[in-house]
Amino acid sequence: MLLIDRVHRLPRPRFLPETAPRDVLMRIHYYHIKEHVLRVSRIKVKPPADFPEIKIFAELLASTLRRRKDFSQIANTLRSNGIRFRWGFPTKMLLTKDGFHTSYHITGGRDKKIAPLGTHRKRTGTAGFTTLSFAA
């Protein structure tokens, strides 16, 4: 059963046209239902006809977004080198290259660092993660 505690429609940002859809925030009462909704939203399925362009995202704290933004130079370097990555929670980078997966914990502050959490293989070969260096 989907029980929603609160729903709020956010104001439209000024730079968007009047016809642009507005974001809606909702708090789902049961944690396991919220997790199920988020998990299903990641699967590439066609949405119902009533909601052709619905997108569901988990809300992140402003501090988490700020810390991720601090590492935009590293993210750009990864993209330019053809290394796929995604953000883990709260500030972890999950990298994939040549069938290898590795994760890094990122720390902010004056000296930005990424510390390896471990590499695991999906298939044999060399990943090249040990030769990557980032100048933040």
N, C-alpha and C. Protein backbone atom coordinates (compact mmCIF):
# COMPACT_ATOMS: atom_id res chain seq x y z
N MET A 1 0.85 -1.18 0.00
CA MET A 1 0.00 0.00 0.00
C MET A 1 0.89 1.23 0.00
N LEU A 2 0.61 2.17 -0.88
CA LEU A 2 1.37 3.41 -0.98
C LEU A 2 0.71 4.46 -0.10
N LEU A 3 1.37 4.80 1.00
CA LEU A 3 0.88 5.82 1.92
C LEU A 3 1.83 7.00 1.85
N ILE A 4 1.32 8.15 1.45
CA ILE A 4 2.14 9.35 1.30
C ILE A 4 1.84 10.30 2.44
N ASP A 5 2.90 10.70 3.17
CA ASP A 5 2.73 11.61 4.30
C ASP A 5 2.49 13.04 3.84
N ARG A 6 3.35 13.52 2.95
CA ARG A 6 3.26 14.90 2.48
C ARG A 6 3.62 14.98 1.01
N VAL A 7 3.02 15.94 0.32
CA VAL A 7 3.34 16.23 -1.07
C VAL A 7 3.42 17.74 -1.23
N HIS A 8 4.50 18.22 -1.85
CA HIS A 8 4.67 19.66 -2.07
C HIS A 8 5.08 19.89 -3.52
N ARG A 9 4.43 20.85 -4.17
CA ARG A 9 4.84 21.26 -5.51
C ARG A 9 5.77 22.45 -5.35
N LEU A 10 6.95 22.35 -5.95
CA LEU A 10 7.94 23.41 -5.83
C LEU A 10 7.65 24.53 -6.82
N PRO A 11 8.04 25.75 -6.48
CA PRO A 11 7.87 26.84 -7.44
C PRO A 11 8.75 26.60 -8.67
N ARG A 12 8.29 27.08 -9.80
CA ARG A 12 9.04 26.94 -11.04
C ARG A 12 10.23 27.90 -11.01
N PRO A 13 11.43 27.42 -11.32
CA PRO A 13 12.57 28.34 -11.39
C PRO A 13 12.31 29.43 -12.43
N ARG A 14 12.78 30.62 -12.17
CA ARG A 14 12.48 31.78 -13.03
C ARG A 14 13.01 31.63 -14.44
N PHE A 15 14.11 30.89 -14.60
CA PHE A 15 14.71 30.77 -15.93
C PHE A 15 13.98 29.78 -16.83
N LEU A 16 13.03 29.01 -16.28
CA LEU A 16 12.28 28.05 -17.10
C LEU A 16 11.02 28.71 -17.66
N PRO A 17 10.56 28.26 -18.83
CA PRO A 17 9.33 28.82 -19.39
C PRO A 17 8.11 28.44 -18.55
N GLU A 18 7.04 29.19 -18.74
CA GLU A 18 5.79 28.96 -17.99
C GLU A 18 5.24 27.56 -18.20
N THR A 19 5.48 27.00 -19.37
CA THR A 19 4.92 25.68 -19.69
C THR A 19 5.73 24.52 -19.12
N ALA A 20 6.89 24.81 -18.56
CA ALA A 20 7.73 23.74 -18.01
C ALA A 20 7.07 23.11 -16.79
N PRO A 21 7.14 21.79 -16.67
CA PRO A 21 6.55 21.14 -15.49
C PRO A 21 7.33 21.49 -14.23
N ARG A 22 6.63 21.48 -13.12
CA ARG A 22 7.27 21.80 -11.84
C ARG A 22 7.58 20.52 -11.09
N ASP A 23 8.62 20.61 -10.26
CA ASP A 23 8.99 19.45 -9.45
C ASP A 23 8.01 19.28 -8.30
N VAL A 24 7.84 18.04 -7.90
CA VAL A 24 6.98 17.70 -6.78
C VAL A 24 7.80 16.87 -5.80
N LEU A 25 7.78 17.25 -4.54
CA LEU A 25 8.44 16.48 -3.49
C LEU A 25 7.38 15.70 -2.73
N MET A 26 7.70 14.46 -2.41
CA MET A 26 6.75 13.69 -1.61
C MET A 26 7.52 12.85 -0.59
N ARG A 27 6.88 12.63 0.52
CA ARG A 27 7.45 11.77 1.56
C ARG A 27 6.57 10.54 1.65
N ILE A 28 7.17 9.40 1.29
CA ILE A 28 6.45 8.13 1.36
C ILE A 28 6.61 7.58 2.76
N HIS A 29 5.51 7.16 3.35
CA HIS A 29 5.47 6.79 4.75
C HIS A 29 6.37 5.60 5.09
N TYR A 30 6.28 4.54 4.32
CA TYR A 30 7.03 3.32 4.63
C TYR A 30 8.34 3.28 3.85
N TYR A 31 9.44 3.07 4.57
CA TYR A 31 10.77 3.06 3.97
C TYR A 31 10.89 1.99 2.89
N HIS A 32 10.42 0.79 3.15
CA HIS A 32 10.57 -0.29 2.18
C HIS A 32 9.79 -0.01 0.89
N ILE A 33 8.68 0.69 0.99
CA ILE A 33 7.93 1.07 -0.21
C ILE A 33 8.70 2.12 -0.99
N LYS A 34 9.27 3.10 -0.29
CA LYS A 34 10.08 4.14 -0.94
C LYS A 34 11.24 3.50 -1.69
N GLU A 35 11.94 2.57 -1.05
CA GLU A 35 13.07 1.90 -1.69
C GLU A 35 12.61 1.10 -2.90
N HIS A 36 11.45 0.47 -2.81
CA HIS A 36 10.92 -0.29 -3.94
C HIS A 36 10.60 0.65 -5.11
N VAL A 37 9.98 1.79 -4.83
CA VAL A 37 9.65 2.77 -5.87
C VAL A 37 10.93 3.25 -6.55
N LEU A 38 11.96 3.58 -5.76
CA LEU A 38 13.22 4.04 -6.34
C LEU A 38 13.89 2.95 -7.18
N ARG A 39 13.85 1.71 -6.70
CA ARG A 39 14.46 0.59 -7.42
C ARG A 39 13.75 0.37 -8.76
N VAL A 40 12.42 0.39 -8.74
CA VAL A 40 11.65 0.19 -9.97
C VAL A 40 11.86 1.36 -10.94
N SER A 41 12.03 2.56 -10.40
CA SER A 41 12.21 3.73 -11.27
C SER A 41 13.51 3.67 -12.05
N ARG A 42 14.49 2.90 -11.58
CA ARG A 42 15.77 2.78 -12.29
C ARG A 42 15.70 1.80 -13.45
N ILE A 43 14.70 0.94 -13.46
CA ILE A 43 14.53 -0.04 -14.53
C ILE A 43 13.97 0.69 -15.75
N LYS A 44 14.52 0.38 -16.91
CA LYS A 44 14.08 1.03 -18.15
C LYS A 44 12.79 0.41 -18.65
N VAL A 45 11.67 0.90 -18.12
CA VAL A 45 10.36 0.44 -18.59
C VAL A 45 9.57 1.66 -19.07
N LYS A 46 8.64 1.41 -19.95
CA LYS A 46 7.82 2.49 -20.46
C LYS A 46 6.82 2.91 -19.38
N PRO A 47 6.76 4.22 -19.05
CA PRO A 47 5.83 4.67 -18.02
C PRO A 47 4.39 4.59 -18.51
N PRO A 48 3.43 4.63 -17.58
CA PRO A 48 2.02 4.60 -17.98
C PRO A 48 1.67 5.79 -18.88
N ALA A 49 0.64 5.61 -19.71
CA ALA A 49 0.24 6.65 -20.66
C ALA A 49 -0.14 7.96 -19.96
N ASP A 50 -0.67 7.87 -18.74
CA ASP A 50 -1.06 9.08 -18.01
C ASP A 50 0.14 9.93 -17.61
N PHE A 51 1.31 9.30 -17.47
CA PHE A 51 2.52 9.99 -17.02
C PHE A 51 3.68 9.65 -17.96
N PRO A 52 3.66 10.18 -19.18
CA PRO A 52 4.67 9.77 -20.16
C PRO A 52 6.09 10.21 -19.83
N GLU A 53 6.25 11.27 -19.05
CA GLU A 53 7.60 11.78 -18.79
C GLU A 53 7.88 11.89 -17.30
N ILE A 54 7.40 10.97 -16.51
CA ILE A 54 7.63 11.04 -15.07
C ILE A 54 9.06 10.58 -14.77
N LYS A 55 9.74 11.30 -13.89
CA LYS A 55 11.09 10.96 -13.46
C LYS A 55 11.11 10.97 -11.94
N ILE A 56 11.73 9.97 -11.35
CA ILE A 56 11.76 9.85 -9.89
C ILE A 56 13.21 9.88 -9.44
N PHE A 57 13.50 10.75 -8.46
CA PHE A 57 14.85 10.89 -7.92
C PHE A 57 14.78 10.88 -6.40
N ALA A 58 15.82 10.36 -5.78
CA ALA A 58 15.94 10.46 -4.32
C ALA A 58 16.46 11.86 -4.00
N GLU A 59 15.95 12.45 -2.94
CA GLU A 59 16.39 13.78 -2.55
C GLU A 59 17.74 13.68 -1.84
N LEU A 60 18.64 14.58 -2.18
CA LEU A 60 19.95 14.61 -1.55
C LEU A 60 20.11 15.90 -0.75
N LEU A 61 20.86 15.83 0.32
CA LEU A 61 21.13 17.02 1.12
C LEU A 61 21.99 18.00 0.33
N ALA A 62 21.83 19.29 0.62
CA ALA A 62 22.63 20.31 -0.05
C ALA A 62 24.12 20.10 0.21
N SER A 63 24.47 19.64 1.40
CA SER A 63 25.88 19.41 1.71
C SER A 63 26.46 18.29 0.85
N THR A 64 25.66 17.26 0.58
CA THR A 64 26.12 16.17 -0.28
C THR A 64 26.32 16.67 -1.71
N LEU A 65 25.38 17.46 -2.20
CA LEU A 65 25.50 18.01 -3.55
C LEU A 65 26.71 18.93 -3.66
N ARG A 66 26.98 19.72 -2.61
CA ARG A 66 28.14 20.61 -2.59
C ARG A 66 29.44 19.80 -2.66
N ARG A 67 29.52 18.73 -1.88
CA ARG A 67 30.73 17.90 -1.88
C ARG A 67 30.93 17.24 -3.24
N ARG A 68 29.86 16.82 -3.87
CA ARG A 68 29.98 16.22 -5.20
C ARG A 68 30.43 17.26 -6.22
N LYS A 69 29.92 18.47 -6.09
CA LYS A 69 30.28 19.54 -7.02
C LYS A 69 31.77 19.86 -6.93
N ASP A 70 32.33 19.74 -5.72
CA ASP A 70 33.76 19.98 -5.54
C ASP A 70 34.61 19.06 -6.40
N PHE A 71 34.06 17.93 -6.79
CA PHE A 71 34.81 16.95 -7.56
C PHE A 71 34.43 16.94 -9.03
N SER A 72 33.89 18.05 -9.53
CA SER A 72 33.49 18.11 -10.93
C SER A 72 34.69 17.98 -11.86
N GLN A 73 35.86 18.50 -11.44
CA GLN A 73 37.06 18.38 -12.27
C GLN A 73 37.46 16.91 -12.43
N ILE A 74 37.36 16.16 -11.33
CA ILE A 74 37.67 14.73 -11.40
C ILE A 74 36.66 14.02 -12.29
N ALA A 75 35.38 14.38 -12.14
CA ALA A 75 34.34 13.76 -12.97
C ALA A 75 34.59 14.05 -14.45
N ASN A 76 34.98 15.28 -14.78
CA ASN A 76 35.28 15.62 -16.17
C ASN A 76 36.48 14.83 -16.70
N THR A 77 37.50 14.64 -15.85
CA THR A 77 38.67 13.86 -16.24
C THR A 77 38.27 12.41 -16.52
N LEU A 78 37.43 11.85 -15.68
CA LEU A 78 36.97 10.48 -15.89
C LEU A 78 36.22 10.37 -17.22
N ARG A 79 35.30 11.31 -17.46
CA ARG A 79 34.53 11.28 -18.71
C ARG A 79 35.44 11.37 -19.93
N SER A 80 36.42 12.30 -19.88
CA SER A 80 37.30 12.49 -21.03
C SER A 80 38.20 11.28 -21.28
N ASN A 81 38.43 10.45 -20.26
CA ASN A 81 39.23 9.24 -20.42
C ASN A 81 38.38 8.00 -20.67
N GLY A 82 37.09 8.20 -20.89
CA GLY A 82 36.20 7.09 -21.21
C GLY A 82 35.91 6.16 -20.04
N ILE A 83 36.03 6.68 -18.83
CA ILE A 83 35.75 5.87 -17.65
C ILE A 83 34.35 6.20 -17.16
N ARG A 84 33.50 5.19 -17.14
CA ARG A 84 32.13 5.39 -16.66
C ARG A 84 32.15 5.44 -15.15
N PHE A 85 31.31 6.31 -14.60
CA PHE A 85 31.21 6.38 -13.14
C PHE A 85 29.80 6.77 -12.77
N ARG A 86 29.48 6.51 -11.54
CA ARG A 86 28.23 7.00 -10.97
C ARG A 86 28.50 7.33 -9.53
N TRP A 87 27.62 8.13 -8.96
CA TRP A 87 27.78 8.53 -7.57
C TRP A 87 27.16 7.49 -6.67
N GLY A 88 27.89 7.09 -5.64
CA GLY A 88 27.36 6.27 -4.57
C GLY A 88 26.91 7.19 -3.45
N PHE A 89 26.39 6.63 -2.41
CA PHE A 89 25.89 7.46 -1.32
C PHE A 89 26.85 7.39 -0.15
N PRO A 90 27.12 8.46 0.55
CA PRO A 90 26.74 9.82 0.19
C PRO A 90 27.73 10.44 -0.78
N THR A 91 29.02 10.23 -0.57
CA THR A 91 30.01 10.80 -1.48
C THR A 91 31.03 9.73 -1.83
N LYS A 92 30.61 8.84 -2.69
CA LYS A 92 31.45 7.75 -3.14
C LYS A 92 31.34 7.71 -4.66
N MET A 93 32.46 7.49 -5.34
CA MET A 93 32.44 7.35 -6.79
C MET A 93 32.61 5.88 -7.13
N LEU A 94 31.72 5.37 -7.96
CA LEU A 94 31.77 3.98 -8.41
C LEU A 94 32.19 3.99 -9.87
N LEU A 95 33.39 3.48 -10.16
CA LEU A 95 33.98 3.54 -11.48
C LEU A 95 33.95 2.18 -12.16
N THR A 96 33.81 2.21 -13.49
CA THR A 96 33.85 0.99 -14.29
C THR A 96 34.73 1.24 -15.50
N LYS A 97 35.70 0.35 -15.69
CA LYS A 97 36.55 0.43 -16.89
C LYS A 97 37.02 -0.96 -17.25
N ASP A 98 36.87 -1.32 -18.51
CA ASP A 98 37.33 -2.61 -19.02
C ASP A 98 36.83 -3.79 -18.20
N GLY A 99 35.59 -3.72 -17.75
CA GLY A 99 35.01 -4.82 -17.00
C GLY A 99 35.38 -4.86 -15.54
N PHE A 100 36.16 -3.91 -15.07
CA PHE A 100 36.52 -3.84 -13.66
C PHE A 100 35.69 -2.77 -12.98
N HIS A 101 35.35 -3.02 -11.75
CA HIS A 101 34.61 -2.05 -10.95
C HIS A 101 35.45 -1.70 -9.73
N THR A 102 35.46 -0.45 -9.38
CA THR A 102 36.14 -0.02 -8.17
C THR A 102 35.36 1.14 -7.57
N SER A 103 35.55 1.37 -6.30
CA SER A 103 34.85 2.47 -5.65
C SER A 103 35.84 3.30 -4.86
N TYR A 104 35.59 4.59 -4.82
CA TYR A 104 36.44 5.54 -4.11
C TYR A 104 35.58 6.38 -3.19
N HIS A 105 36.09 6.58 -2.00
CA HIS A 105 35.44 7.50 -1.05
C HIS A 105 36.08 8.86 -1.27
N ILE A 106 35.27 9.89 -1.44
CA ILE A 106 35.84 11.21 -1.67
C ILE A 106 35.72 12.04 -0.41
N THR A 107 36.77 12.80 -0.15
CA THR A 107 36.79 13.67 1.02
C THR A 107 36.98 15.10 0.53
N GLY A 108 36.34 16.02 1.19
CA GLY A 108 36.43 17.42 0.79
C GLY A 108 37.47 18.15 1.60
N GLY A 109 37.23 19.42 1.78
CA GLY A 109 38.17 20.23 2.54
C GLY A 109 39.18 20.89 1.62
N ARG A 110 40.29 21.35 2.22
CA ARG A 110 41.30 22.06 1.43
C ARG A 110 41.97 21.15 0.41
N ASP A 111 42.34 19.97 0.84
CA ASP A 111 42.97 19.04 -0.09
C ASP A 111 41.98 17.92 -0.42
N LYS A 112 41.44 18.02 -1.61
CA LYS A 112 40.45 17.04 -2.05
C LYS A 112 41.16 15.73 -2.34
N LYS A 113 40.63 14.66 -1.84
CA LYS A 113 41.26 13.35 -2.02
C LYS A 113 40.20 12.32 -2.38
N ILE A 114 40.65 11.31 -3.10
CA ILE A 114 39.82 10.14 -3.28
C ILE A 114 40.62 8.95 -2.79
N ALA A 115 40.05 8.19 -1.90
CA ALA A 115 40.72 7.04 -1.32
C ALA A 115 40.06 5.77 -1.83
N PRO A 116 40.86 4.83 -2.37
CA PRO A 116 40.25 3.60 -2.89
C PRO A 116 39.63 2.76 -1.78
N LEU A 117 38.44 2.27 -2.06
CA LEU A 117 37.76 1.37 -1.12
C LEU A 117 37.96 -0.08 -1.52
N GLY A 118 38.39 -0.31 -2.74
CA GLY A 118 38.62 -1.69 -3.17
C GLY A 118 38.24 -1.88 -4.62
N THR A 119 38.88 -2.82 -5.26
CA THR A 119 38.61 -3.14 -6.66
C THR A 119 38.15 -4.59 -6.74
N HIS A 120 37.14 -4.84 -7.50
CA HIS A 120 36.75 -6.23 -7.73
C HIS A 120 36.55 -6.44 -9.22
N ARG A 121 36.88 -7.62 -9.67
CA ARG A 121 36.84 -7.93 -11.09
C ARG A 121 35.50 -8.52 -11.50
N LYS A 122 35.08 -8.09 -12.64
CA LYS A 122 33.92 -8.72 -13.25
C LYS A 122 34.40 -9.72 -14.30
N ARG A 123 35.54 -9.43 -14.90
CA ARG A 123 36.17 -10.35 -15.85
C ARG A 123 37.68 -10.13 -15.80
N THR A 124 38.43 -10.99 -16.44
CA THR A 124 39.89 -10.88 -16.36
C THR A 124 40.40 -9.79 -17.28
N GLY A 125 41.59 -9.31 -17.01
CA GLY A 125 42.19 -8.24 -17.79
C GLY A 125 42.75 -7.19 -16.85
N THR A 126 43.31 -6.14 -17.42
CA THR A 126 43.85 -5.08 -16.57
C THR A 126 42.92 -3.88 -16.64
N ALA A 127 42.62 -3.33 -15.51
CA ALA A 127 41.67 -2.22 -15.46
C ALA A 127 42.36 -0.89 -15.61
N GLY A 128 43.58 -0.75 -15.14
CA GLY A 128 44.28 0.52 -15.25
C GLY A 128 43.92 1.50 -14.15
N PHE A 129 43.19 1.05 -13.14
CA PHE A 129 42.82 1.97 -12.07
C PHE A 129 44.04 2.41 -11.26
N THR A 130 45.04 1.55 -11.16
CA THR A 130 46.21 1.90 -10.36
C THR A 130 47.02 3.00 -11.01
N THR A 131 46.90 3.17 -12.34
CA THR A 131 47.68 4.19 -13.03
C THR A 131 46.94 5.51 -13.14
N LEU A 132 45.70 5.56 -12.72
CA LEU A 132 44.96 6.81 -12.79
C LEU A 132 45.40 7.74 -11.68
N SER A 133 45.65 8.98 -12.03
CA SER A 133 45.95 9.97 -10.99
C SER A 133 45.09 11.19 -11.26
N PHE A 134 44.65 11.80 -10.21
CA PHE A 134 43.74 12.94 -10.32
C PHE A 134 44.37 14.14 -9.65
N ALA A 135 44.40 15.24 -10.34
CA ALA A 135 44.86 16.50 -9.75
C ALA A 135 43.63 17.33 -9.47
N ALA A 136 43.24 17.42 -8.23
CA ALA A 136 42.02 18.15 -7.87
C ALA A 136 42.32 19.61 -7.63
